[in-house]
Amino acid sequence: MNLNQFEYLLAIYEQGSITKAAQKLFVSAPAISKMIHGLEDELGYKLLNRLANKVEFTDKGIEA
């Protein structure tokens, strides 16, 4: 895990969506999504449930 991954995850939590987090951080939404997917692969479990209009944290994602 690197600091950017944690920063992105926190922004998603605060903003409630990847798109809004990307706007806040001046990063593209696909870049954030790719970084979070990489973190999920590294940890071995999902942190987010990606739904049509929003993102929900899994129980493990909340713990992280």
N, C-alpha and C. Protein backbone atom coordinates (compact mmCIF):
# COMPACT_ATOMS: atom_id res chain seq x y z
N MET A 1 0.85 -1.17 0.00
CA MET A 1 0.00 0.00 0.00
C MET A 1 0.90 1.23 0.00
N ASN A 2 0.52 2.20 -0.83
CA ASN A 2 1.27 3.45 -0.78
C ASN A 2 0.34 4.58 -0.35
N LEU A 3 0.92 5.70 -0.08
CA LEU A 3 0.16 6.83 0.45
C LEU A 3 -0.92 7.31 -0.51
N ASN A 4 -0.66 7.30 -1.80
CA ASN A 4 -1.67 7.73 -2.78
C ASN A 4 -2.90 6.84 -2.72
N GLN A 5 -2.71 5.55 -2.57
CA GLN A 5 -3.85 4.63 -2.50
C GLN A 5 -4.72 4.96 -1.29
N PHE A 6 -4.08 5.23 -0.17
CA PHE A 6 -4.83 5.57 1.03
C PHE A 6 -5.54 6.91 0.85
N GLU A 7 -4.86 7.88 0.25
CA GLU A 7 -5.46 9.19 0.01
C GLU A 7 -6.69 9.06 -0.91
N TYR A 8 -6.58 8.25 -1.96
CA TYR A 8 -7.69 8.05 -2.89
C TYR A 8 -8.86 7.36 -2.19
N LEU A 9 -8.56 6.36 -1.39
CA LEU A 9 -9.60 5.64 -0.67
C LEU A 9 -10.34 6.57 0.29
N LEU A 10 -9.60 7.41 0.99
CA LEU A 10 -10.20 8.37 1.91
C LEU A 10 -11.07 9.37 1.16
N ALA A 11 -10.60 9.85 0.02
CA ALA A 11 -11.39 10.80 -0.77
C ALA A 11 -12.69 10.16 -1.27
N ILE A 12 -12.62 8.91 -1.67
CA ILE A 12 -13.84 8.20 -2.11
C ILE A 12 -14.81 8.10 -0.95
N TYR A 13 -14.30 7.79 0.22
CA TYR A 13 -15.15 7.70 1.41
C TYR A 13 -15.81 9.05 1.71
N GLU A 14 -15.03 10.10 1.67
CA GLU A 14 -15.54 11.44 1.99
C GLU A 14 -16.52 11.95 0.93
N GLN A 15 -16.23 11.70 -0.33
CA GLN A 15 -17.03 12.24 -1.43
C GLN A 15 -18.18 11.33 -1.84
N GLY A 16 -18.09 10.06 -1.53
CA GLY A 16 -19.17 9.13 -1.85
C GLY A 16 -19.15 8.60 -3.27
N SER A 17 -18.15 9.02 -4.06
CA SER A 17 -18.04 8.49 -5.41
C SER A 17 -16.61 8.66 -5.91
N ILE A 18 -16.26 7.82 -6.87
CA ILE A 18 -14.94 7.89 -7.47
C ILE A 18 -14.82 9.17 -8.30
N THR A 19 -15.87 9.52 -9.01
CA THR A 19 -15.85 10.72 -9.86
C THR A 19 -15.62 11.98 -9.03
N LYS A 20 -16.36 12.11 -7.94
CA LYS A 20 -16.20 13.29 -7.09
C LYS A 20 -14.83 13.31 -6.41
N ALA A 21 -14.34 12.14 -6.02
CA ALA A 21 -13.00 12.05 -5.43
C ALA A 21 -11.95 12.49 -6.45
N ALA A 22 -12.12 12.06 -7.68
CA ALA A 22 -11.18 12.43 -8.74
C ALA A 22 -11.18 13.94 -8.95
N GLN A 23 -12.34 14.54 -8.96
CA GLN A 23 -12.43 16.00 -9.13
C GLN A 23 -11.74 16.72 -7.98
N LYS A 24 -11.95 16.24 -6.78
CA LYS A 24 -11.33 16.86 -5.60
C LYS A 24 -9.81 16.76 -5.65
N LEU A 25 -9.31 15.63 -6.12
CA LEU A 25 -7.87 15.38 -6.12
C LEU A 25 -7.19 15.78 -7.43
N PHE A 26 -7.97 16.25 -8.40
CA PHE A 26 -7.43 16.64 -9.71
C PHE A 26 -6.71 15.47 -10.39
N VAL A 27 -7.38 14.32 -10.34
CA VAL A 27 -6.88 13.09 -10.95
C VAL A 27 -8.04 12.51 -11.75
N SER A 28 -7.76 11.72 -12.77
CA SER A 28 -8.85 11.13 -13.53
C SER A 28 -9.50 10.00 -12.74
N ALA A 29 -10.79 9.82 -12.95
CA ALA A 29 -11.52 8.74 -12.29
C ALA A 29 -10.95 7.36 -12.65
N PRO A 30 -10.59 7.11 -13.92
CA PRO A 30 -10.00 5.81 -14.24
C PRO A 30 -8.67 5.56 -13.50
N ALA A 31 -7.89 6.62 -13.27
CA ALA A 31 -6.63 6.46 -12.54
C ALA A 31 -6.90 6.04 -11.09
N ILE A 32 -7.89 6.66 -10.48
CA ILE A 32 -8.24 6.29 -9.10
C ILE A 32 -8.77 4.86 -9.07
N SER A 33 -9.64 4.53 -9.98
CA SER A 33 -10.22 3.19 -10.03
C SER A 33 -9.13 2.13 -10.21
N LYS A 34 -8.19 2.40 -11.11
CA LYS A 34 -7.09 1.46 -11.33
C LYS A 34 -6.23 1.30 -10.08
N MET A 35 -5.97 2.41 -9.39
CA MET A 35 -5.16 2.36 -8.17
C MET A 35 -5.87 1.55 -7.09
N ILE A 36 -7.18 1.73 -6.95
CA ILE A 36 -7.94 0.99 -5.94
C ILE A 36 -8.02 -0.49 -6.31
N HIS A 37 -8.19 -0.81 -7.59
CA HIS A 37 -8.17 -2.21 -8.01
C HIS A 37 -6.83 -2.85 -7.67
N GLY A 38 -5.75 -2.12 -7.88
CA GLY A 38 -4.42 -2.62 -7.53
C GLY A 38 -4.29 -2.88 -6.05
N LEU A 39 -4.82 -1.98 -5.25
CA LEU A 39 -4.80 -2.15 -3.79
C LEU A 39 -5.61 -3.37 -3.39
N GLU A 40 -6.79 -3.54 -4.00
CA GLU A 40 -7.62 -4.71 -3.70
C GLU A 40 -6.89 -5.99 -4.06
N ASP A 41 -6.20 -6.00 -5.18
CA ASP A 41 -5.42 -7.18 -5.58
C ASP A 41 -4.30 -7.46 -4.58
N GLU A 42 -3.64 -6.40 -4.15
CA GLU A 42 -2.55 -6.53 -3.19
C GLU A 42 -3.04 -7.08 -1.85
N LEU A 43 -4.19 -6.60 -1.40
CA LEU A 43 -4.73 -7.03 -0.11
C LEU A 43 -5.43 -8.38 -0.19
N GLY A 44 -5.95 -8.70 -1.38
CA GLY A 44 -6.62 -9.97 -1.54
C GLY A 44 -8.11 -9.94 -1.22
N TYR A 45 -8.68 -8.75 -1.11
CA TYR A 45 -10.12 -8.63 -0.90
C TYR A 45 -10.61 -7.29 -1.44
N LYS A 46 -11.93 -7.26 -1.69
CA LYS A 46 -12.55 -6.05 -2.23
C LYS A 46 -12.73 -5.01 -1.13
N LEU A 47 -12.48 -3.77 -1.48
CA LEU A 47 -12.69 -2.65 -0.57
C LEU A 47 -13.99 -1.91 -0.89
N LEU A 48 -14.36 -1.96 -2.18
CA LEU A 48 -15.51 -1.21 -2.65
C LEU A 48 -16.46 -2.08 -3.45
N ASN A 49 -17.74 -1.82 -3.30
CA ASN A 49 -18.76 -2.36 -4.19
C ASN A 49 -19.12 -1.22 -5.13
N ARG A 50 -18.83 -1.40 -6.39
CA ARG A 50 -19.09 -0.37 -7.39
C ARG A 50 -20.48 -0.59 -7.97
N LEU A 51 -21.37 0.35 -7.72
CA LEU A 51 -22.73 0.28 -8.20
C LEU A 51 -22.92 1.28 -9.33
N ALA A 52 -24.07 1.29 -9.96
CA ALA A 52 -24.31 2.14 -11.13
C ALA A 52 -24.06 3.62 -10.83
N ASN A 53 -24.60 4.11 -9.74
CA ASN A 53 -24.51 5.55 -9.46
C ASN A 53 -23.73 5.90 -8.21
N LYS A 54 -23.19 4.91 -7.54
CA LYS A 54 -22.45 5.19 -6.30
C LYS A 54 -21.48 4.08 -5.98
N VAL A 55 -20.71 4.32 -4.97
CA VAL A 55 -19.73 3.34 -4.48
C VAL A 55 -20.03 3.10 -3.01
N GLU A 56 -20.06 1.84 -2.62
CA GLU A 56 -20.24 1.49 -1.21
C GLU A 56 -19.01 0.74 -0.74
N PHE A 57 -18.60 1.02 0.47
CA PHE A 57 -17.46 0.31 1.04
C PHE A 57 -17.92 -1.04 1.58
N THR A 58 -17.09 -2.05 1.37
CA THR A 58 -17.36 -3.35 1.96
C THR A 58 -16.99 -3.26 3.44
N ASP A 59 -17.32 -4.28 4.21
CA ASP A 59 -16.92 -4.29 5.62
C ASP A 59 -15.40 -4.19 5.76
N LYS A 60 -14.69 -4.92 4.92
CA LYS A 60 -13.22 -4.85 4.93
C LYS A 60 -12.73 -3.46 4.52
N GLY A 61 -13.42 -2.84 3.61
CA GLY A 61 -13.05 -1.49 3.16
C GLY A 61 -13.21 -0.46 4.26
N ILE A 62 -14.22 -0.63 5.06
CA ILE A 62 -14.43 0.27 6.21
C ILE A 62 -13.33 0.08 7.23
N GLU A 63 -12.92 -1.16 7.45
CA GLU A 63 -11.84 -1.45 8.40
C GLU A 63 -10.51 -0.85 7.94
N ALA A 64 -10.30 -0.84 6.62
CA ALA A 64 -9.03 -0.35 6.08
C ALA A 64 -8.92 1.13 6.34
